[in-house]
Amino acid sequence: MEKKNVNFRQLVKEVKADMDKFHVPYDNYYELAIKYFSGSTWGTCNYIEQAIYINSDLVLYGKDEDIKNTICHELIHSAKECRYEGHRGLWKKYANIMNQHDYHISRSNRYELNIDATKIYKYVVKCVNCGNTQGFNTRRGVVKNPENYLCTKCTGKIILIKGGVE
């Protein structure tokens, strides 16, 4: 899948407008930024930095709907009454409100990005069973010793297909 041209700020505005319309609180002072995360972390809300980070791969390769769901998920975390609450209580209540209005907010999501990992990552592992690939730009345990890890989709054996010993 090719990189797409995303107007991230426009998506943020749309999500905030929807949250305002449905009276779901968020902290408007939190900065929203795009950041690289390895693995399947799509977003994070950092209370200390008062910042929300959305995964760069999701923004570049994901569907607008999935990006908006992630922005909304993290903005709910920023609400004063939801901080340090995790995915319980008021966070869950507000997520359910947004879910009644064409959002799909949950504790975790597995978005399919259809990225050719070999083109954008320095190291790539692949499941010999289901073909699932996962890319990394840093040399970590799964890259050094793939035989000690299992596929995140089917628990099959994984092998290193790009990168190697340095």
Foldseek 3Di string as FASTA:
>chain_A
DFWDDFPLVVLLVVLVVVCVVLVQAFDPPAAEEEDADFDFDQKAQDQVNSYIYGHPLCRGQNDSLVSSLRSNLRRSCRGPVNDPVQCDDSSVVSNVSVVVPSHDHDNGDDTDRPDPQVVPAQKKKAFPPPGDIGGDNDCDDCRACVQVAADPPPRGRMDIDHHDDD
